[in-house]
Amino acid sequence: GNDGQYVDLIAKYTRLENDYDVANVYGH
């Protein structure tokens, strides 16, 4: 706006991918 006011708008759509490995103290 002319008086210094402002508005910001954001819309996002995201594809999430997760590839993980876990080990325990017994070696599994």
PDB file of all heavy atoms in Angstrom:
ATOM      1  N   GLY A   1       0.812  -1.207   0.000  1.00  0.00           N
ATOM      2  CA  GLY A   1       0.000   0.000   0.000  1.00  0.00           C
ATOM      3  C   GLY A   1       0.847   1.258   0.000  1.00  0.00           C
ATOM      4  O   GLY A   1       2.040   1.231   0.318  1.00  0.00           O
ATOM      5  N   ASN A   2       0.226   2.368  -0.311  1.00  0.00           N
ATOM      6  CA  ASN A   2       0.947   3.649  -0.359  1.00  0.00           C
ATOM      7  C   ASN A   2       1.377   4.130   1.017  1.00  0.00           C
ATOM      8  O   ASN A   2       2.306   4.929   1.136  1.00  0.00           O
ATOM      9  CB  ASN A   2       0.071   4.716  -1.031  1.00  0.00           C
ATOM     10  CG  ASN A   2      -0.196   4.401  -2.495  1.00  0.00           C
ATOM     11  OD1 ASN A   2       0.654   3.816  -3.172  1.00  0.00           O
ATOM     12  ND2 ASN A   2      -1.374   4.777  -2.982  1.00  0.00           N
ATOM     13  N   ASP A   3       0.694   3.670   2.065  1.00  0.00           N
ATOM     14  CA  ASP A   3       1.017   4.128   3.419  1.00  0.00           C
ATOM     15  C   ASP A   3       1.972   3.192   4.149  1.00  0.00           C
ATOM     16  O   ASP A   3       2.148   3.290   5.360  1.00  0.00           O
ATOM     17  CB  ASP A   3      -0.264   4.295   4.231  1.00  0.00           C
ATOM     18  CG  ASP A   3      -1.050   2.987   4.349  1.00  0.00           C
ATOM     19  OD1 ASP A   3      -0.666   2.015   3.666  1.00  0.00           O
ATOM     20  OD2 ASP A   3      -2.028   2.941   5.119  1.00  0.00           O
ATOM     21  N   GLY A   4       2.602   2.234   3.425  1.00  0.00           N
ATOM     22  CA  GLY A   4       3.571   1.336   4.030  1.00  0.00           C
ATOM     23  C   GLY A   4       3.008  -0.008   4.449  1.00  0.00           C
ATOM     24  O   GLY A   4       3.770  -0.906   4.825  1.00  0.00           O
ATOM     25  N   GLN A   5       1.708  -0.188   4.399  1.00  0.00           N
ATOM     26  CA  GLN A   5       1.134  -1.488   4.739  1.00  0.00           C
ATOM     27  C   GLN A   5       1.451  -2.519   3.648  1.00  0.00           C
ATOM     28  O   GLN A   5       1.583  -2.169   2.476  1.00  0.00           O
ATOM     29  CB  GLN A   5      -0.381  -1.385   4.900  1.00  0.00           C
ATOM     30  CG  GLN A   5      -0.839  -0.509   6.047  1.00  0.00           C
ATOM     31  CD  GLN A   5      -2.344  -0.598   6.230  1.00  0.00           C
ATOM     32  OE1 GLN A   5      -2.863  -1.528   6.832  1.00  0.00           O
ATOM     33  NE2 GLN A   5      -3.046   0.391   5.696  1.00  0.00           N
ATOM     34  N   TYR A   6       1.530  -3.775   4.054  1.00  0.00           N
ATOM     35  CA  TYR A   6       1.741  -4.824   3.061  1.00  0.00           C
ATOM     36  C   TYR A   6       1.127  -6.142   3.553  1.00  0.00           C
ATOM     37  O   TYR A   6       0.941  -6.359   4.756  1.00  0.00           O
ATOM     38  CB  TYR A   6       3.230  -5.022   2.753  1.00  0.00           C
ATOM     39  CG  TYR A   6       4.049  -5.531   3.921  1.00  0.00           C
ATOM     40  CD1 TYR A   6       4.192  -6.896   4.165  1.00  0.00           C
ATOM     41  CD2 TYR A   6       4.709  -4.640   4.774  1.00  0.00           C
ATOM     42  CE1 TYR A   6       4.945  -7.366   5.217  1.00  0.00           C
ATOM     43  CE2 TYR A   6       5.465  -5.105   5.830  1.00  0.00           C
ATOM     44  CZ  TYR A   6       5.580  -6.461   6.052  1.00  0.00           C
ATOM     45  OH  TYR A   6       6.320  -6.925   7.106  1.00  0.00           O
ATOM     46  N   VAL A   7       0.832  -7.006   2.588  1.00  0.00           N
ATOM     47  CA  VAL A   7       0.307  -8.341   2.850  1.00  0.00           C
ATOM     48  C   VAL A   7       1.067  -9.323   1.955  1.00  0.00           C
ATOM     49  O   VAL A   7       1.189  -9.102   0.751  1.00  0.00           O
ATOM     50  CB  VAL A   7      -1.207  -8.432   2.572  1.00  0.00           C
ATOM     51  CG1 VAL A   7      -1.684  -9.880   2.742  1.00  0.00           C
ATOM     52  CG2 VAL A   7      -1.981  -7.513   3.496  1.00  0.00           C
ATOM     53  N   ASP A   8       1.569 -10.412   2.550  1.00  0.00           N
ATOM     54  CA  ASP A   8       2.242 -11.477   1.797  1.00  0.00           C
ATOM     55  C   ASP A   8       1.451 -12.776   1.965  1.00  0.00           C
ATOM     56  O   ASP A   8       1.084 -13.146   3.085  1.00  0.00           O
ATOM     57  CB  ASP A   8       3.669 -11.705   2.317  1.00  0.00           C
ATOM     58  CG  ASP A   8       4.586 -10.522   2.018  1.00  0.00           C
ATOM     59  OD1 ASP A   8       4.259  -9.759   1.103  1.00  0.00           O
ATOM     60  OD2 ASP A   8       5.619 -10.387   2.705  1.00  0.00           O
ATOM     61  N   LEU A   9       1.219 -13.471   0.858  1.00  0.00           N
ATOM     62  CA  LEU A   9       0.483 -14.732   0.869  1.00  0.00           C
ATOM     63  C   LEU A   9       1.294 -15.801   0.141  1.00  0.00           C
ATOM     64  O   LEU A   9       1.858 -15.536  -0.920  1.00  0.00           O
ATOM     65  CB  LEU A   9      -0.884 -14.577   0.189  1.00  0.00           C
ATOM     66  CG  LEU A   9      -1.820 -13.507   0.754  1.00  0.00           C
ATOM     67  CD1 LEU A   9      -3.045 -13.357  -0.142  1.00  0.00           C
ATOM     68  CD2 LEU A   9      -2.232 -13.850   2.177  1.00  0.00           C
ATOM     69  N   ILE A  10       1.337 -17.016   0.709  1.00  0.00           N
ATOM     70  CA  ILE A  10       2.069 -18.135   0.099  1.00  0.00           C
ATOM     71  C   ILE A  10       1.218 -19.399   0.212  1.00  0.00           C
ATOM     72  O   ILE A  10       0.639 -19.676   1.268  1.00  0.00           O
ATOM     73  CB  ILE A  10       3.412 -18.402   0.803  1.00  0.00           C
ATOM     74  CG1 ILE A  10       4.283 -17.150   0.857  1.00  0.00           C
ATOM     75  CG2 ILE A  10       4.165 -19.533   0.111  1.00  0.00           C
ATOM     76  CD1 ILE A  10       5.510 -17.314   1.746  1.00  0.00           C
ATOM     77  N   ALA A  11       1.148 -20.168  -0.862  1.00  0.00           N
ATOM     78  CA  ALA A  11       0.532 -21.504  -0.842  1.00  0.00           C
ATOM     79  C   ALA A  11       1.511 -22.473  -1.480  1.00  0.00           C
ATOM     80  O   ALA A  11       2.027 -22.215  -2.568  1.00  0.00           O
ATOM     81  CB  ALA A  11      -0.796 -21.499  -1.598  1.00  0.00           C
ATOM     82  N   LYS A  12       1.778 -23.604  -0.806  1.00  0.00           N
ATOM     83  CA  LYS A  12       2.757 -24.574  -1.299  1.00  0.00           C
ATOM     84  C   LYS A  12       2.186 -25.989  -1.259  1.00  0.00           C
ATOM     85  O   LYS A  12       1.445 -26.353  -0.338  1.00  0.00           O
ATOM     86  CB  LYS A  12       4.041 -24.527  -0.466  1.00  0.00           C
ATOM     87  CG  LYS A  12       4.832 -23.252  -0.598  1.00  0.00           C
ATOM     88  CD  LYS A  12       6.139 -23.338   0.161  1.00  0.00           C
ATOM     89  CE  LYS A  12       7.086 -24.338  -0.464  1.00  0.00           C
ATOM     90  NZ  LYS A  12       8.394 -24.365   0.214  1.00  0.00           N
ATOM     91  N   TYR A  13       2.580 -26.766  -2.250  1.00  0.00           N
ATOM     92  CA  TYR A  13       2.220 -28.180  -2.323  1.00  0.00           C
ATOM     93  C   TYR A  13       3.516 -28.957  -2.507  1.00  0.00           C
ATOM     94  O   TYR A  13       4.272 -28.699  -3.452  1.00  0.00           O
ATOM     95  CB  TYR A  13       1.271 -28.415  -3.491  1.00  0.00           C
ATOM     96  CG  TYR A  13       0.574 -29.749  -3.474  1.00  0.00           C
ATOM     97  CD1 TYR A  13      -0.055 -30.217  -2.321  1.00  0.00           C
ATOM     98  CD2 TYR A  13       0.528 -30.548  -4.612  1.00  0.00           C
ATOM     99  CE1 TYR A  13      -0.707 -31.438  -2.306  1.00  0.00           C
ATOM    100  CE2 TYR A  13      -0.133 -31.776  -4.611  1.00  0.00           C
ATOM    101  CZ  TYR A  13      -0.747 -32.206  -3.446  1.00  0.00           C
ATOM    102  OH  TYR A  13      -1.396 -33.416  -3.438  1.00  0.00           O
ATOM    103  N   THR A  14       3.791 -29.907  -1.603  1.00  0.00           N
ATOM    104  CA  THR A  14       5.111 -30.530  -1.528  1.00  0.00           C
ATOM    105  C   THR A  14       5.013 -32.050  -1.565  1.00  0.00           C
ATOM    106  O   THR A  14       4.158 -32.652  -0.909  1.00  0.00           O
ATOM    107  CB  THR A  14       5.831 -30.112  -0.226  1.00  0.00           C
ATOM    108  OG1 THR A  14       5.868 -28.686  -0.138  1.00  0.00           O
ATOM    109  CG2 THR A  14       7.247 -30.655  -0.200  1.00  0.00           C
ATOM    110  N   ARG A  15       5.908 -32.653  -2.316  1.00  0.00           N
ATOM    111  CA  ARG A  15       6.081 -34.105  -2.342  1.00  0.00           C
ATOM    112  C   ARG A  15       7.248 -34.447  -1.440  1.00  0.00           C
ATOM    113  O   ARG A  15       8.391 -34.008  -1.675  1.00  0.00           O
ATOM    114  CB  ARG A  15       6.373 -34.570  -3.773  1.00  0.00           C
ATOM    115  CG  ARG A  15       6.685 -36.054  -3.926  1.00  0.00           C
ATOM    116  CD  ARG A  15       5.492 -36.926  -3.705  1.00  0.00           C
ATOM    117  NE  ARG A  15       5.664 -38.254  -4.296  1.00  0.00           N
ATOM    118  CZ  ARG A  15       4.804 -39.255  -4.118  1.00  0.00           C
ATOM    119  NH1 ARG A  15       3.723 -39.062  -3.392  1.00  0.00           N
ATOM    120  NH2 ARG A  15       5.018 -40.428  -4.685  1.00  0.00           N
ATOM    121  N   LEU A  16       7.010 -35.241  -0.386  1.00  0.00           N
ATOM    122  CA  LEU A  16       8.037 -35.614   0.576  1.00  0.00           C
ATOM    123  C   LEU A  16       8.450 -37.061   0.339  1.00  0.00           C
ATOM    124  O   LEU A  16       7.601 -37.948   0.204  1.00  0.00           O
ATOM    125  CB  LEU A  16       7.538 -35.468   2.014  1.00  0.00           C
ATOM    126  CG  LEU A  16       7.212 -34.070   2.537  1.00  0.00           C
ATOM    127  CD1 LEU A  16       5.814 -33.636   2.148  1.00  0.00           C
ATOM    128  CD2 LEU A  16       7.341 -34.024   4.060  1.00  0.00           C
ATOM    129  N   GLU A  17       9.763 -37.301   0.317  1.00  0.00           N
ATOM    130  CA  GLU A  17      10.317 -38.650   0.173  1.00  0.00           C
ATOM    131  C   GLU A  17      11.287 -38.909   1.320  1.00  0.00           C
ATOM    132  O   GLU A  17      12.093 -38.042   1.667  1.00  0.00           O
ATOM    133  CB  GLU A  17      11.046 -38.798  -1.166  1.00  0.00           C
ATOM    134  CG  GLU A  17      10.170 -38.542  -2.381  1.00  0.00           C
ATOM    135  CD  GLU A  17      10.931 -38.706  -3.688  1.00  0.00           C
ATOM    136  OE1 GLU A  17      11.852 -39.541  -3.727  1.00  0.00           O
ATOM    137  OE2 GLU A  17      10.616 -37.988  -4.650  1.00  0.00           O
ATOM    138  N   ASN A  18      11.198 -40.110   1.881  1.00  0.00           N
ATOM    139  CA  ASN A  18      12.017 -40.455   3.039  1.00  0.00           C
ATOM    140  C   ASN A  18      12.511 -41.892   2.892  1.00  0.00           C
ATOM    141  O   ASN A  18      11.721 -42.825   2.773  1.00  0.00           O
ATOM    142  CB  ASN A  18      11.195 -40.305   4.325  1.00  0.00           C
ATOM    143  CG  ASN A  18      12.051 -40.230   5.571  1.00  0.00           C
ATOM    144  OD1 ASN A  18      13.143 -40.779   5.609  1.00  0.00           O
ATOM    145  ND2 ASN A  18      11.544 -39.558   6.590  1.00  0.00           N
ATOM    146  N   ASP A  19      13.816 -42.066   2.884  1.00  0.00           N
ATOM    147  CA  ASP A  19      14.451 -43.391   2.774  1.00  0.00           C
ATOM    148  C   ASP A  19      15.401 -43.520   3.961  1.00  0.00           C
ATOM    149  O   ASP A  19      16.383 -42.783   4.052  1.00  0.00           O
ATOM    150  CB  ASP A  19      15.193 -43.500   1.446  1.00  0.00           C
ATOM    151  CG  ASP A  19      15.762 -44.894   1.206  1.00  0.00           C
ATOM    152  OD1 ASP A  19      15.615 -45.755   2.101  1.00  0.00           O
ATOM    153  OD2 ASP A  19      16.379 -45.109   0.148  1.00  0.00           O
ATOM    154  N   TYR A  20      15.123 -44.447   4.884  1.00  0.00           N
ATOM    155  CA  TYR A  20      15.922 -44.503   6.112  1.00  0.00           C
ATOM    156  C   TYR A  20      16.345 -45.927   6.459  1.00  0.00           C
ATOM    157  O   TYR A  20      15.759 -46.909   6.007  1.00  0.00           O
ATOM    158  CB  TYR A  20      15.147 -43.885   7.285  1.00  0.00           C
ATOM    159  CG  TYR A  20      13.884 -44.618   7.683  1.00  0.00           C
ATOM    160  CD1 TYR A  20      13.919 -45.708   8.547  1.00  0.00           C
ATOM    161  CD2 TYR A  20      12.640 -44.202   7.212  1.00  0.00           C
ATOM    162  CE1 TYR A  20      12.771 -46.371   8.926  1.00  0.00           C
ATOM    163  CE2 TYR A  20      11.478 -44.856   7.585  1.00  0.00           C
ATOM    164  CZ  TYR A  20      11.548 -45.939   8.444  1.00  0.00           C
ATOM    165  OH  TYR A  20      10.395 -46.600   8.811  1.00  0.00           O
ATOM    166  N   ASP A  21      17.392 -46.000   7.292  1.00  0.00           N
ATOM    167  CA  ASP A  21      17.907 -47.256   7.825  1.00  0.00           C
ATOM    168  C   ASP A  21      18.104 -47.109   9.326  1.00  0.00           C
ATOM    169  O   ASP A  21      18.517 -46.047   9.810  1.00  0.00           O
ATOM    170  CB  ASP A  21      19.244 -47.629   7.177  1.00  0.00           C
ATOM    171  CG  ASP A  21      19.104 -47.893   5.682  1.00  0.00           C
ATOM    172  OD1 ASP A  21      18.382 -48.821   5.314  1.00  0.00           O
ATOM    173  OD2 ASP A  21      19.709 -47.139   4.892  1.00  0.00           O
ATOM    174  N   VAL A  22      17.830 -48.181  10.058  1.00  0.00           N
ATOM    175  CA  VAL A  22      17.973 -48.207  11.510  1.00  0.00           C
ATOM    176  C   VAL A  22      18.706 -49.488  11.902  1.00  0.00           C
ATOM    177  O   VAL A  22      18.526 -50.521  11.260  1.00  0.00           O
ATOM    178  CB  VAL A  22      16.600 -48.178  12.221  1.00  0.00           C
ATOM    179  CG1 VAL A  22      16.777 -48.046  13.728  1.00  0.00           C
ATOM    180  CG2 VAL A  22      15.728 -47.055  11.694  1.00  0.00           C
ATOM    181  N   ALA A  23      19.515 -49.419  12.956  1.00  0.00           N
ATOM    182  CA  ALA A  23      20.156 -50.620  13.508  1.00  0.00           C
ATOM    183  C   ALA A  23      20.043 -50.568  15.025  1.00  0.00           C
ATOM    184  O   ALA A  23      20.019 -49.485  15.623  1.00  0.00           O
ATOM    185  CB  ALA A  23      21.619 -50.683  13.083  1.00  0.00           C
ATOM    186  N   ASN A  24      19.951 -51.734  15.661  1.00  0.00           N
ATOM    187  CA  ASN A  24      19.935 -51.766  17.121  1.00  0.00           C
ATOM    188  C   ASN A  24      21.225 -52.390  17.646  1.00  0.00           C
ATOM    189  O   ASN A  24      22.082 -52.826  16.874  1.00  0.00           O
ATOM    190  CB  ASN A  24      18.690 -52.489  17.654  1.00  0.00           C
ATOM    191  CG  ASN A  24      18.632 -53.950  17.240  1.00  0.00           C
ATOM    192  OD1 ASN A  24      19.626 -54.550  16.852  1.00  0.00           O
ATOM    193  ND2 ASN A  24      17.444 -54.537  17.325  1.00  0.00           N
ATOM    194  N   VAL A  25      21.361 -52.444  18.959  1.00  0.00           N
ATOM    195  CA  VAL A  25      22.620 -52.903  19.565  1.00  0.00           C
ATOM    196  C   VAL A  25      22.841 -54.397  19.356  1.00  0.00           C
ATOM    197  O   VAL A  25      23.937 -54.894  19.571  1.00  0.00           O
ATOM    198  CB  VAL A  25      22.651 -52.577  21.072  1.00  0.00           C
ATOM    199  CG1 VAL A  25      22.655 -51.079  21.298  1.00  0.00           C
ATOM    200  CG2 VAL A  25      21.485 -53.237  21.795  1.00  0.00           C
ATOM    201  N   TYR A  26      21.804 -55.117  18.928  1.00  0.00           N
ATOM    202  CA  TYR A  26      21.942 -56.554  18.698  1.00  0.00           C
ATOM    203  C   TYR A  26      22.376 -56.858  17.277  1.00  0.00           C
ATOM    204  O   TYR A  26      22.490 -58.016  16.895  1.00  0.00           O
ATOM    205  CB  TYR A  26      20.612 -57.251  18.991  1.00  0.00           C
ATOM    206  CG  TYR A  26      20.032 -56.885  20.332  1.00  0.00           C
ATOM    207  CD1 TYR A  26      18.919 -56.055  20.418  1.00  0.00           C
ATOM    208  CD2 TYR A  26      20.617 -57.328  21.510  1.00  0.00           C
ATOM    209  CE1 TYR A  26      18.393 -55.697  21.654  1.00  0.00           C
ATOM    210  CE2 TYR A  26      20.097 -56.971  22.745  1.00  0.00           C
ATOM    211  CZ  TYR A  26      18.983 -56.151  22.809  1.00  0.00           C
ATOM    212  OH  TYR A  26      18.480 -55.792  24.023  1.00  0.00           O
ATOM    213  N   GLY A  27      22.599 -55.803  16.470  1.00  0.00           N
ATOM    214  CA  GLY A  27      23.066 -55.996  15.112  1.00  0.00           C
ATOM    215  C   GLY A  27      21.978 -56.162  14.073  1.00  0.00           C
ATOM    216  O   GLY A  27      22.269 -56.355  12.897  1.00  0.00           O
ATOM    217  N   HIS A  28      20.713 -56.080  14.481  1.00  0.00           N
ATOM    218  CA  HIS A  28      19.613 -56.198  13.524  1.00  0.00           C
ATOM    219  C   HIS A  28      19.374 -54.858  12.830  1.00  0.00           C
ATOM    220  O   HIS A  28      19.660 -53.796  13.380  1.00  0.00           O
ATOM    221  CB  HIS A  28      18.337 -56.651  14.229  1.00  0.00           C
ATOM    222  CG  HIS A  28      18.378 -58.084  14.643  1.00  0.00           C
ATOM    223  ND1 HIS A  28      18.332 -59.112  13.742  1.00  0.00           N
ATOM    224  CD2 HIS A  28      18.474 -58.647  15.870  1.00  0.00           C
ATOM    225  CE1 HIS A  28      18.374 -60.268  14.392  1.00  0.00           C
ATOM    226  NE2 HIS A  28      18.480 -60.009  15.686  1.00  0.00           N
TER     227      HIS A  28
END
